[in-house]
Amino acid sequence: MNHRKLFYSKKFFIFNIMLVGVIAGFVVAFLLFGSSGSIKAGDSVQAQEVERVPYSSDEDIATAQSLQNSFRSVAKKALPVVVELKVVEVVTQQVPRADGWPWDFLFPEQEEDQDGQEREFRNQGLGSGVIVRRDGDTFFVLTNEHVVGEADEIEVVLYDNREYSASLVGKDPRKDLAMVKFETDDRDIAVAHLGDSEELQVGDWVLAVGSPYGFVSSITAGIVSAKGRSGPEGNISDFIQTDAAINRGNSGGALVDIYGNVVGINTWIAAPTGGNVGLGFAIPINNAKSAIDDFITKGKVEYGWLGVSVGDVTDELSQHLGLETDKGAFVHNIYLDSPADKGGMRAGDFITSINGRKVESRDEVVRIVGDLKAGERARFEVLRFGERMVLDVKIGERLNDDDILSNQNKLWPGMTVAPLQEEVKKQLDLDSSLKGVLVVNVERGTKAFVHGMRSYDIITSINDQEIESMEDFFRIISDTREDKFEIIYLREGEKGYAGIVR
């Protein structure tokens, strides 16, 4: 390219830059002043009015300060009574052998030495706990059963970083509660004040205290989102739901109200990622108060035992049973010679209240009976085939799960039945005119199971009496004047027979 062409190229480039600048200037002017024409000296430009947010009033600030002061006060009361728990489980495992070529060739002398060789592994865990009782130099800490697990070593860390070696007092998986204790002659260690979780209402302020992810003495605030929530299978507590942030490590820590009273023990979260999503759950402290006494005096939690298997009913099932309501618990099976059996309760009864307290679900019956003491007499209201009855039952002591399973041969009738509805008939390809009840489940080890009864059997008669409804089934099967029951059933179109002696 010659110098002349280069000169004109530079001029063209500069011209383009100037043109772009002019256009940009017009655009800015249009946006600022509109398209009404040129602006003369002395013209005033009307700026768009912006709505101003008024400053907070002294009253608003005072309200915020009052809430802040409340949180500060709660923190001062709650932090000293909530501890971090460091647990270690020592597991012994056999050391894997490094055998095969070339190890056998290179180290033949080690082959025999490695046989049976074991090594200890230390599995560490982390959680929280609440100091709930003091007896002289002994301090008792309430926590979750899943926090202590099978720990061989337990260490308590206070909010001011003082550390103490602790030992297990007892644990209970049904409520997911455990207790540990530590010894010290320090006299400045605070003990929690236990509140009344029954007084909590949805919408109340609560604070969660614990050591999430090892961050000792953390506090989060939220409200009571709901009460009476069901939890993991096998846990009999009715949980407090809160949106106060609860994370791993908070388990066993305190849920406190705005007065600093402990109203719950933080236990679990519903979170697909394992982190807080605003769905945290705590065991109501009222559910734990009797457990605290049992742990300290007996080393375990004792439960009352009725001796029945109960379940909830749907609106549809309550109609089939002729019940006035679906609020209560239906007795599907009863242990022979149990407190319930001796007190006159029968399979087919529908429990509506205990000691004058209305019950709404199977879980509520389990909780109330569990909190009753062995030897205590309890008043049960039941509906039996439409008739309201009152039964006086002397509560027994609940055995451990293994002992209960060993008595399955006493569970009567040992199976759960349901109405034979049209939908079921279609699914099982049955004649629409067939009458009977459907066996939903047969408990292993029961007489019904031993004599061949299985799920999806259809019971058509007992002792030569036709069974057309659940009421027919329970009237006959609960008849105490009979000891032997000849059951006719259908299974995949084939007739079957079971002769069962109660």
Protein backbone atom coordinates (compact mmCIF):
# COMPACT_ATOMS: atom_id res chain seq x y z
CA MET A 1 0.00 0.00 0.00
CA ASN A 2 1.45 3.48 -0.94
CA HIS A 3 1.58 6.46 1.42
CA ARG A 4 -1.34 8.20 -0.25
CA LYS A 5 -3.70 5.28 0.28
CA LEU A 6 -2.52 4.91 3.86
CA PHE A 7 -3.26 8.63 4.50
CA TYR A 8 -6.83 8.33 3.22
CA SER A 9 -7.39 5.11 5.21
CA LYS A 10 -6.42 6.88 8.45
CA LYS A 11 -8.72 9.80 7.62
CA PHE A 12 -11.60 7.38 6.98
CA PHE A 13 -10.99 5.60 10.28
CA ILE A 14 -10.94 8.90 12.21
CA PHE A 15 -14.13 10.01 10.47
CA ASN A 16 -15.94 6.84 11.52
CA ILE A 17 -14.88 7.33 15.14
CA MET A 18 -16.19 10.91 15.11
CA LEU A 19 -19.48 9.79 13.52
CA VAL A 20 -20.05 7.14 16.16
CA GLY A 21 -19.37 9.72 18.88
CA VAL A 22 -21.91 12.14 17.43
CA ILE A 23 -24.59 9.44 17.16
CA ALA A 24 -23.95 8.34 20.74
CA GLY A 25 -24.30 11.94 21.89
CA PHE A 26 -27.70 12.27 20.19
CA VAL A 27 -28.89 9.04 21.79
CA VAL A 28 -27.87 10.20 25.25
CA ALA A 29 -29.54 13.58 24.73
CA PHE A 30 -32.73 11.89 23.54
CA LEU A 31 -32.84 9.63 26.57
CA LEU A 32 -32.20 12.50 28.97
CA PHE A 33 -34.41 15.21 27.51
CA GLY A 34 -36.91 13.41 25.30
CA SER A 35 -37.64 14.01 21.62
CA SER A 36 -39.42 17.39 21.84
CA GLY A 37 -36.67 19.38 20.16
CA SER A 38 -33.62 21.41 21.14
CA ILE A 39 -33.04 22.77 24.59
CA LYS A 40 -32.53 26.47 24.96
CA ALA A 41 -30.60 28.23 27.63
CA GLY A 42 -32.83 28.87 30.61
CA ASP A 43 -35.14 25.90 29.98
CA SER A 44 -35.68 23.73 33.08
CA VAL A 45 -35.45 19.96 32.89
CA GLN A 46 -38.11 18.08 34.85
CA ALA A 47 -36.42 15.11 36.54
CA GLN A 48 -38.58 12.07 37.17
CA GLU A 49 -39.64 11.98 40.78
CA VAL A 50 -38.31 9.00 42.71
CA GLU A 51 -40.40 7.65 45.56
CA ARG A 52 -38.38 7.96 48.73
CA VAL A 53 -38.54 5.34 51.46
CA PRO A 54 -39.26 7.10 54.74
CA TYR A 55 -36.75 6.75 57.52
CA SER A 56 -37.62 4.26 60.27
CA SER A 57 -39.43 5.88 63.11
CA ASP A 58 -38.16 5.77 66.65
CA GLU A 59 -40.94 3.29 67.39
CA ASP A 60 -39.79 0.94 64.59
CA ILE A 61 -36.20 1.09 65.80
CA ALA A 62 -37.31 0.44 69.37
CA THR A 63 -39.23 -2.65 68.22
CA ALA A 64 -36.20 -4.00 66.34
CA GLN A 65 -33.95 -3.30 69.31
CA SER A 66 -36.37 -5.08 71.62
CA LEU A 67 -36.27 -8.19 69.44
CA GLN A 68 -32.50 -7.98 69.20
CA ASN A 69 -32.19 -7.65 72.97
CA SER A 70 -34.45 -10.69 73.38
CA PHE A 71 -32.17 -12.75 71.15
CA ARG A 72 -29.13 -11.55 73.10
CA SER A 73 -30.78 -12.53 76.37
CA VAL A 74 -31.68 -15.97 75.02
CA ALA A 75 -28.12 -16.49 73.74
CA LYS A 76 -26.67 -15.68 77.18
CA LYS A 77 -28.94 -18.25 78.83
CA ALA A 78 -28.70 -20.96 76.17
CA LEU A 79 -25.03 -21.00 75.19
CA PRO A 80 -23.66 -22.14 78.59
CA VAL A 81 -26.03 -25.15 78.78
CA VAL A 82 -25.40 -26.54 75.28
CA VAL A 83 -22.21 -28.54 74.73
CA GLU A 84 -20.34 -30.09 71.86
CA LEU A 85 -19.95 -33.86 71.96
CA LYS A 86 -16.94 -35.51 70.35
CA VAL A 87 -17.35 -39.26 70.09
CA VAL A 88 -14.96 -41.97 68.96
CA GLU A 89 -15.91 -45.53 68.07
CA VAL A 90 -13.00 -47.95 68.02
CA VAL A 91 -13.51 -50.66 65.42
CA THR A 92 -11.23 -53.66 65.07
CA GLN A 93 -10.86 -55.07 61.56
CA GLN A 94 -8.68 -57.73 60.07
CA VAL A 95 -5.83 -56.38 57.97
CA PRO A 96 -6.25 -57.41 54.33
CA ARG A 97 -3.48 -59.69 53.09
CA ALA A 98 -1.26 -58.63 50.22
CA ASP A 99 -0.98 -62.06 48.66
CA GLY A 100 -0.45 -63.36 45.18
CA TRP A 101 2.40 -62.74 42.80
CA PRO A 102 4.76 -60.93 43.21
CA TRP A 103 4.15 -60.54 46.99
CA ASP A 104 4.39 -64.26 47.80
CA PHE A 105 7.67 -64.44 45.89
CA LEU A 106 9.17 -61.26 47.35
CA PHE A 107 8.01 -61.68 50.98
CA PRO A 108 7.35 -65.37 51.66
CA GLU A 109 8.12 -64.95 55.38
CA GLN A 110 5.24 -62.45 55.86
CA GLU A 111 2.51 -64.78 54.64
CA GLU A 112 2.10 -66.55 57.98
CA ASP A 113 2.62 -63.37 60.02
CA GLN A 114 -0.37 -61.66 58.37
CA ASP A 115 -2.84 -64.45 59.08
CA GLY A 116 -5.37 -63.21 61.67
CA GLN A 117 -3.65 -59.86 62.09
CA GLU A 118 -6.07 -57.10 63.21
CA ARG A 119 -5.93 -53.35 63.38
CA GLU A 120 -7.91 -50.73 65.28
CA PHE A 121 -9.69 -47.93 63.42
CA ARG A 122 -11.05 -44.81 65.17
CA ASN A 123 -14.31 -43.56 63.71
CA GLN A 124 -14.95 -40.01 64.91
CA GLY A 125 -18.34 -38.35 65.23
CA LEU A 126 -19.69 -34.98 66.26
CA GLY A 127 -22.88 -33.75 67.82
CA SER A 128 -24.36 -31.58 70.55
CA GLY A 129 -25.96 -32.05 73.95
CA VAL A 130 -27.82 -30.18 76.69
CA ILE A 131 -26.84 -30.12 80.37
CA VAL A 132 -30.15 -31.05 82.02
CA ARG A 133 -29.27 -32.17 85.56
CA ARG A 134 -26.59 -31.87 88.21
CA ASP A 135 -26.00 -34.13 91.18
CA GLY A 136 -23.03 -32.98 93.25
CA ASP A 137 -20.00 -33.15 90.99
CA THR A 138 -21.86 -35.10 88.31
CA PHE A 139 -23.43 -33.33 85.33
CA PHE A 140 -25.89 -35.12 83.05
CA VAL A 141 -26.10 -34.26 79.36
CA LEU A 142 -29.09 -35.18 77.18
CA THR A 143 -28.41 -35.86 73.50
CA ASN A 144 -29.53 -38.10 70.62
CA GLU A 145 -29.01 -41.84 70.52
CA HIS A 146 -27.64 -41.55 66.99
CA VAL A 147 -24.99 -39.08 68.24
CA VAL A 148 -23.42 -41.46 70.77
CA GLY A 149 -24.02 -44.61 68.71
CA GLU A 150 -21.55 -47.27 69.85
CA ALA A 151 -19.00 -44.73 71.10
CA ASP A 152 -16.03 -45.97 73.11
CA GLU A 153 -14.81 -42.47 73.94
CA ILE A 154 -16.94 -39.38 74.62
CA GLU A 155 -15.68 -35.86 75.22
CA VAL A 156 -17.78 -32.88 76.33
CA VAL A 157 -16.74 -29.40 75.21
CA LEU A 158 -18.39 -26.40 76.91
CA TYR A 159 -19.10 -23.12 75.16
CA ASP A 160 -16.00 -21.62 76.83
CA ASN A 161 -13.83 -24.48 75.47
CA ARG A 162 -13.46 -26.36 78.73
CA GLU A 163 -13.25 -30.09 78.00
CA TYR A 164 -14.26 -33.10 80.09
CA SER A 165 -14.15 -36.83 79.56
CA ALA A 166 -17.67 -38.30 79.67
CA SER A 167 -19.28 -41.73 79.90
CA LEU A 168 -22.55 -43.17 78.63
CA VAL A 169 -25.45 -43.37 81.11
CA GLY A 170 -28.00 -44.93 78.76
CA LYS A 171 -29.62 -44.67 75.35
CA ASP A 172 -32.97 -45.32 73.76
CA PRO A 173 -33.51 -45.73 69.98
CA ARG A 174 -37.33 -45.47 70.16
CA LYS A 175 -37.11 -41.79 71.12
CA ASP A 176 -33.61 -41.30 69.71
CA LEU A 177 -32.43 -40.06 73.09
CA ALA A 178 -29.28 -40.79 75.09
CA MET A 179 -27.59 -39.46 78.19
CA VAL A 180 -23.92 -39.02 79.08
CA LYS A 181 -22.33 -37.69 82.25
CA PHE A 182 -19.11 -35.99 83.25
CA GLU A 183 -17.50 -35.23 86.59
CA THR A 184 -16.06 -31.90 87.76
CA ASP A 185 -15.89 -29.81 90.90
CA ASP A 186 -16.35 -26.60 88.85
CA ARG A 187 -19.26 -24.68 90.28
CA ASP A 188 -19.87 -22.22 87.44
CA ILE A 189 -21.43 -24.71 85.00
CA ALA A 190 -25.03 -23.84 84.16
CA VAL A 191 -27.93 -26.28 83.91
CA ALA A 192 -30.73 -25.82 81.40
CA HIS A 193 -34.21 -24.77 82.40
CA LEU A 194 -36.71 -27.11 80.74
CA GLY A 195 -39.81 -25.41 79.38
CA ASP A 196 -43.24 -26.75 78.44
CA SER A 197 -43.35 -27.80 74.79
CA GLU A 198 -47.15 -28.13 74.97
CA GLU A 199 -47.39 -24.35 75.25
CA LEU A 200 -45.57 -23.79 71.95
CA GLN A 201 -47.73 -22.52 69.13
CA VAL A 202 -47.12 -22.41 65.40
CA GLY A 203 -45.50 -19.07 64.61
CA ASP A 204 -43.62 -18.76 67.92
CA TRP A 205 -40.00 -17.60 67.78
CA VAL A 206 -37.46 -20.33 68.57
CA LEU A 207 -33.66 -20.55 68.44
CA ALA A 208 -31.58 -23.63 67.64
CA VAL A 209 -28.31 -24.00 69.57
CA GLY A 210 -25.55 -26.48 68.80
CA SER A 211 -22.30 -27.16 66.97
CA PRO A 212 -23.12 -27.54 63.26
CA TYR A 213 -20.15 -28.87 61.29
CA GLY A 214 -18.00 -28.34 64.40
CA PHE A 215 -18.73 -24.61 64.73
CA VAL A 216 -19.18 -24.69 68.50
CA SER A 217 -21.93 -22.64 70.17
CA SER A 218 -23.81 -21.54 67.05
CA ILE A 219 -27.29 -20.02 67.30
CA THR A 220 -29.88 -19.70 64.55
CA ALA A 221 -33.34 -18.16 64.76
CA GLY A 222 -36.66 -19.10 63.22
CA ILE A 223 -40.22 -19.97 64.09
CA VAL A 224 -42.22 -23.05 64.93
CA SER A 225 -43.38 -24.16 61.49
CA ALA A 226 -45.61 -27.01 62.69
CA LYS A 227 -46.21 -29.39 65.59
CA GLY A 228 -46.99 -33.07 65.83
CA ARG A 229 -44.95 -34.14 62.81
CA SER A 230 -44.17 -37.82 62.28
CA GLY A 231 -40.54 -38.75 61.97
CA PRO A 232 -38.27 -41.58 60.88
CA GLU A 233 -39.69 -45.09 61.06
CA GLY A 234 -39.38 -46.58 64.51
CA ASN A 235 -39.29 -43.23 66.32
CA ILE A 236 -42.32 -42.63 68.51
CA SER A 237 -41.91 -38.86 69.05
CA ASP A 238 -44.18 -36.24 67.54
CA PHE A 239 -41.73 -33.62 66.30
CA ILE A 240 -41.61 -29.84 66.37
CA GLN A 241 -40.85 -28.53 62.89
CA THR A 242 -38.84 -25.30 62.62
CA ASP A 243 -37.17 -23.20 59.94
CA ALA A 244 -34.35 -22.23 62.32
CA ALA A 245 -31.25 -23.51 60.54
CA ILE A 246 -30.29 -27.01 61.73
CA ASN A 247 -27.34 -28.80 60.16
CA ARG A 248 -25.09 -31.78 60.81
CA GLY A 249 -23.66 -31.42 64.29
CA ASN A 250 -26.79 -29.71 65.64
CA SER A 251 -28.24 -33.10 66.61
CA GLY A 252 -28.72 -33.29 70.36
CA GLY A 253 -28.59 -29.52 70.76
CA ALA A 254 -31.32 -27.33 72.20
CA LEU A 255 -34.36 -25.69 70.66
CA VAL A 256 -35.19 -22.80 73.00
CA ASP A 257 -38.03 -20.31 73.24
CA ILE A 258 -37.67 -16.54 73.60
CA TYR A 259 -37.36 -16.94 77.37
CA GLY A 260 -34.32 -19.21 77.04
CA ASN A 261 -36.23 -22.32 78.11
CA VAL A 262 -35.33 -25.57 76.36
CA VAL A 263 -38.46 -26.74 74.54
CA GLY A 264 -36.93 -29.35 72.25
CA ILE A 265 -33.90 -31.47 71.37
CA ASN A 266 -32.77 -30.93 67.78
CA THR A 267 -32.78 -34.29 66.05
CA TRP A 268 -33.03 -34.47 62.26
CA ILE A 269 -33.49 -32.50 59.05
CA ALA A 270 -35.37 -33.16 55.83
CA ALA A 271 -32.83 -32.16 53.20
CA PRO A 272 -31.93 -33.96 49.96
CA THR A 273 -28.48 -32.34 49.97
CA GLY A 274 -27.73 -32.93 53.65
CA GLY A 275 -27.75 -29.19 54.41
CA ASN A 276 -30.38 -26.90 55.86
CA VAL A 277 -33.37 -26.13 53.65
CA GLY A 278 -35.63 -24.79 56.39
CA LEU A 279 -37.00 -28.18 57.47
CA GLY A 280 -35.56 -29.00 60.88
CA PHE A 281 -37.16 -31.18 63.55
CA ALA A 282 -36.83 -31.39 67.32
CA ILE A 283 -38.11 -33.82 69.95
CA PRO A 284 -40.54 -31.94 72.23
CA ILE A 285 -38.92 -31.61 75.64
CA ASN A 286 -42.07 -32.95 77.31
CA ASN A 287 -41.41 -36.25 75.48
CA ALA A 288 -37.94 -36.35 77.04
CA LYS A 289 -38.64 -35.39 80.67
CA SER A 290 -39.59 -38.88 81.83
CA ALA A 291 -36.65 -40.29 79.85
CA ILE A 292 -34.26 -38.04 81.79
CA ASP A 293 -35.44 -39.49 85.10
CA ASP A 294 -35.33 -43.05 83.75
CA PHE A 295 -31.79 -42.65 82.43
CA ILE A 296 -30.50 -41.31 85.74
CA THR A 297 -32.29 -43.78 88.01
CA LYS A 298 -32.36 -46.92 85.83
CA GLY A 299 -29.88 -46.38 82.99
CA LYS A 300 -32.60 -46.97 80.41
CA VAL A 301 -36.02 -45.71 79.36
CA GLU A 302 -38.93 -47.82 80.55
CA TYR A 303 -42.13 -47.91 78.50
CA GLY A 304 -45.65 -48.88 79.34
CA TRP A 305 -47.05 -51.82 77.36
CA LEU A 306 -50.62 -52.45 76.29
CA GLY A 307 -50.07 -55.50 74.09
CA VAL A 308 -51.76 -54.58 70.81
CA SER A 309 -50.82 -53.73 67.25
CA VAL A 310 -52.75 -50.68 66.09
CA GLY A 311 -53.13 -48.70 62.89
CA ASP A 312 -54.82 -45.64 61.42
CA VAL A 313 -58.01 -45.82 59.40
CA THR A 314 -59.07 -43.87 56.31
CA ASP A 315 -62.46 -42.27 55.81
CA GLU A 316 -63.40 -45.14 53.51
CA LEU A 317 -62.31 -47.80 55.99
CA SER A 318 -64.15 -46.10 58.84
CA GLN A 319 -67.34 -46.35 56.79
CA HIS A 320 -66.77 -50.07 56.23
CA LEU A 321 -66.25 -50.50 59.97
CA GLY A 322 -69.29 -48.39 60.86
CA LEU A 323 -67.21 -45.94 62.88
CA GLU A 324 -68.37 -42.47 63.85
CA THR A 325 -64.95 -40.98 63.17
CA ASP A 326 -61.53 -41.80 61.74
CA LYS A 327 -59.78 -40.09 64.68
CA GLY A 328 -58.31 -42.84 66.79
CA ALA A 329 -56.45 -46.14 66.40
CA PHE A 330 -57.79 -49.47 65.18
CA VAL A 331 -56.72 -52.62 67.01
CA HIS A 332 -55.72 -55.13 64.32
CA ASN A 333 -54.10 -57.68 66.63
CA ILE A 334 -53.81 -58.33 70.35
CA TYR A 335 -51.30 -60.34 72.37
CA LEU A 336 -53.00 -63.08 74.34
CA ASP A 337 -52.50 -62.74 78.12
CA SER A 338 -51.32 -59.13 77.63
CA PRO A 339 -52.62 -56.18 79.69
CA ALA A 340 -55.04 -55.35 76.87
CA ASP A 341 -56.34 -58.92 76.69
CA LYS A 342 -56.76 -59.13 80.46
CA GLY A 343 -58.48 -55.73 80.46
CA GLY A 344 -61.13 -56.87 77.99
CA MET A 345 -59.80 -55.25 74.81
CA ARG A 346 -60.35 -57.19 71.58
CA ALA A 347 -59.06 -57.17 68.03
CA GLY A 348 -61.48 -54.99 66.07
CA ASP A 349 -61.81 -52.35 68.81
CA PHE A 350 -61.25 -48.70 67.88
CA ILE A 351 -59.47 -46.66 70.59
CA THR A 352 -60.76 -43.06 70.82
CA SER A 353 -59.39 -41.80 74.15
CA ILE A 354 -56.97 -42.68 76.96
CA ASN A 355 -57.54 -41.34 80.46
CA GLY A 356 -59.99 -38.81 79.06
CA ARG A 357 -57.54 -37.53 76.44
CA LYS A 358 -58.82 -37.80 72.88
CA VAL A 359 -56.45 -39.61 70.54
CA GLU A 360 -56.33 -38.95 66.82
CA SER A 361 -53.86 -41.46 65.45
CA ARG A 362 -52.00 -44.69 65.94
CA ASP A 363 -48.77 -42.79 66.76
CA GLU A 364 -50.50 -40.85 69.51
CA VAL A 365 -51.73 -44.05 71.15
CA VAL A 366 -48.20 -45.49 71.04
CA ARG A 367 -46.75 -42.33 72.64
CA ILE A 368 -49.35 -42.06 75.39
CA VAL A 369 -49.16 -45.73 76.34
CA GLY A 370 -45.35 -45.61 76.23
CA ASP A 371 -45.31 -42.81 78.79
CA LEU A 372 -47.57 -44.69 81.20
CA LYS A 373 -45.85 -46.49 84.06
CA ALA A 374 -45.97 -50.24 84.56
CA GLY A 375 -48.63 -51.07 87.13
CA GLU A 376 -50.58 -47.89 86.42
CA ARG A 377 -54.26 -48.28 85.57
CA ALA A 378 -55.53 -46.50 82.47
CA ARG A 379 -59.03 -45.83 81.19
CA PHE A 380 -59.56 -46.62 77.49
CA GLU A 381 -62.63 -45.60 75.53
CA VAL A 382 -63.24 -47.82 72.52
CA LEU A 383 -65.85 -48.32 69.83
CA ARG A 384 -66.77 -51.97 69.32
CA PHE A 385 -69.13 -52.62 66.42
CA GLY A 386 -70.76 -49.23 66.94
CA GLU A 387 -71.06 -49.56 70.72
CA ARG A 388 -69.04 -47.26 72.97
CA MET A 389 -67.25 -49.04 75.81
CA VAL A 390 -64.92 -48.07 78.65
CA LEU A 391 -62.14 -50.47 79.61
CA ASP A 392 -59.95 -50.32 82.71
CA VAL A 393 -56.50 -51.71 81.87
CA LYS A 394 -53.50 -52.26 84.13
CA ILE A 395 -50.46 -51.26 82.07
CA GLY A 396 -47.50 -53.62 81.85
CA GLU A 397 -43.81 -53.01 81.20
CA ARG A 398 -42.70 -53.15 77.58
CA LEU A 399 -40.14 -55.82 76.81
CA ASN A 400 -37.30 -55.28 74.40
CA ASP A 401 -37.91 -55.89 70.70
CA ASP A 402 -36.29 -59.33 70.68
CA ASP A 403 -38.49 -60.57 73.54
CA ILE A 404 -41.60 -59.19 71.85
CA LEU A 405 -40.73 -60.99 68.59
CA SER A 406 -40.21 -64.21 70.50
CA ASN A 407 -43.87 -63.97 71.63
CA GLN A 408 -45.31 -63.60 68.13
CA ASN A 409 -47.14 -66.93 68.54
CA LYS A 410 -49.37 -65.09 71.03
CA LEU A 411 -50.36 -62.34 68.59
CA TRP A 412 -54.02 -62.87 67.68
CA PRO A 413 -55.30 -63.25 65.01
CA GLY A 414 -51.81 -62.55 63.66
CA MET A 415 -52.93 -60.91 60.45
CA THR A 416 -54.26 -57.62 59.13
CA VAL A 417 -57.36 -57.67 56.95
CA ALA A 418 -59.11 -55.11 54.76
CA PRO A 419 -62.47 -54.87 52.95
CA LEU A 420 -62.73 -56.76 49.66
CA GLN A 421 -63.42 -53.80 47.40
CA GLU A 422 -64.35 -53.82 43.73
CA GLU A 423 -60.95 -52.45 42.73
CA VAL A 424 -59.24 -55.34 44.52
CA LYS A 425 -61.51 -57.84 42.79
CA LYS A 426 -60.56 -56.42 39.41
CA GLN A 427 -56.85 -56.42 40.18
CA LEU A 428 -56.97 -60.03 41.40
CA ASP A 429 -59.34 -61.08 38.60
CA LEU A 430 -62.03 -62.22 41.03
CA ASP A 431 -65.74 -62.73 40.52
CA SER A 432 -67.56 -59.48 41.33
CA SER A 433 -70.06 -61.41 43.46
CA LEU A 434 -67.37 -62.84 45.76
CA LYS A 435 -67.75 -61.98 49.46
CA GLY A 436 -65.03 -61.94 52.09
CA VAL A 437 -62.12 -59.96 53.51
CA LEU A 438 -58.66 -59.52 52.05
CA VAL A 439 -55.61 -60.54 54.08
CA VAL A 440 -53.20 -57.61 53.76
CA ASN A 441 -50.40 -58.95 55.96
CA VAL A 442 -49.58 -62.02 58.05
CA GLU A 443 -47.05 -61.57 60.86
CA ARG A 444 -44.22 -64.10 60.84
CA GLY A 445 -44.18 -66.46 63.79
CA THR A 446 -47.91 -66.17 64.45
CA LYS A 447 -50.27 -69.13 64.41
CA ALA A 448 -51.89 -67.80 61.25
CA PHE A 449 -48.50 -67.78 59.51
CA VAL A 450 -47.52 -71.21 60.80
CA HIS A 451 -50.81 -72.66 59.52
CA GLY A 452 -50.22 -71.30 56.03
CA MET A 453 -52.12 -68.01 55.86
CA ARG A 454 -50.48 -65.49 53.52
CA SER A 455 -51.00 -61.98 52.16
CA TYR A 456 -53.66 -61.66 49.41
CA ASP A 457 -55.61 -64.65 50.73
CA ILE A 458 -59.35 -63.99 50.75
CA ILE A 459 -61.15 -65.29 53.82
CA THR A 460 -64.68 -66.39 52.92
CA SER A 461 -65.79 -68.21 56.07
CA ILE A 462 -64.80 -68.99 59.66
CA ASN A 463 -66.37 -71.86 61.61
CA ASP A 464 -68.94 -72.36 58.84
CA GLN A 465 -70.07 -68.74 59.09
CA GLU A 466 -69.82 -66.64 55.94
CA ILE A 467 -67.59 -63.58 56.12
CA GLU A 468 -69.00 -60.64 54.16
CA SER A 469 -67.43 -57.73 56.02
CA MET A 470 -64.67 -56.81 58.44
CA GLU A 471 -67.24 -56.67 61.22
CA ASP A 472 -68.13 -60.32 60.51
CA PHE A 473 -64.46 -61.27 60.67
CA PHE A 474 -63.73 -59.54 63.99
CA ARG A 475 -66.99 -60.64 65.65
CA ILE A 476 -66.07 -64.27 65.09
CA ILE A 477 -62.29 -64.12 65.51
CA SER A 478 -62.62 -62.20 68.82
CA ASP A 479 -65.28 -64.46 70.30
CA THR A 480 -63.71 -65.56 73.58
CA ARG A 481 -66.08 -68.55 73.80
CA GLU A 482 -64.29 -70.18 70.87
CA ASP A 483 -60.83 -71.73 70.98
CA LYS A 484 -60.58 -73.26 67.51
CA PHE A 485 -61.17 -71.47 64.24
CA GLU A 486 -61.63 -73.23 60.92
CA ILE A 487 -60.81 -70.69 58.23
CA ILE A 488 -61.72 -71.16 54.56
CA TYR A 489 -59.90 -68.91 52.11
CA LEU A 490 -59.23 -68.48 48.40
CA ARG A 491 -55.73 -68.17 46.96
CA GLU A 492 -55.37 -67.63 43.23
CA GLY A 493 -58.75 -69.23 42.67
CA GLU A 494 -57.98 -72.30 44.77
CA LYS A 495 -59.74 -73.03 48.05
CA GLY A 496 -57.58 -73.36 51.16
CA TYR A 497 -58.15 -74.39 54.78
CA ALA A 498 -56.45 -73.40 58.06
CA GLY A 499 -57.41 -74.83 61.43
CA ILE A 500 -56.04 -72.51 64.09
CA VAL A 501 -56.25 -72.99 67.84
CA ARG A 502 -56.06 -69.75 69.81
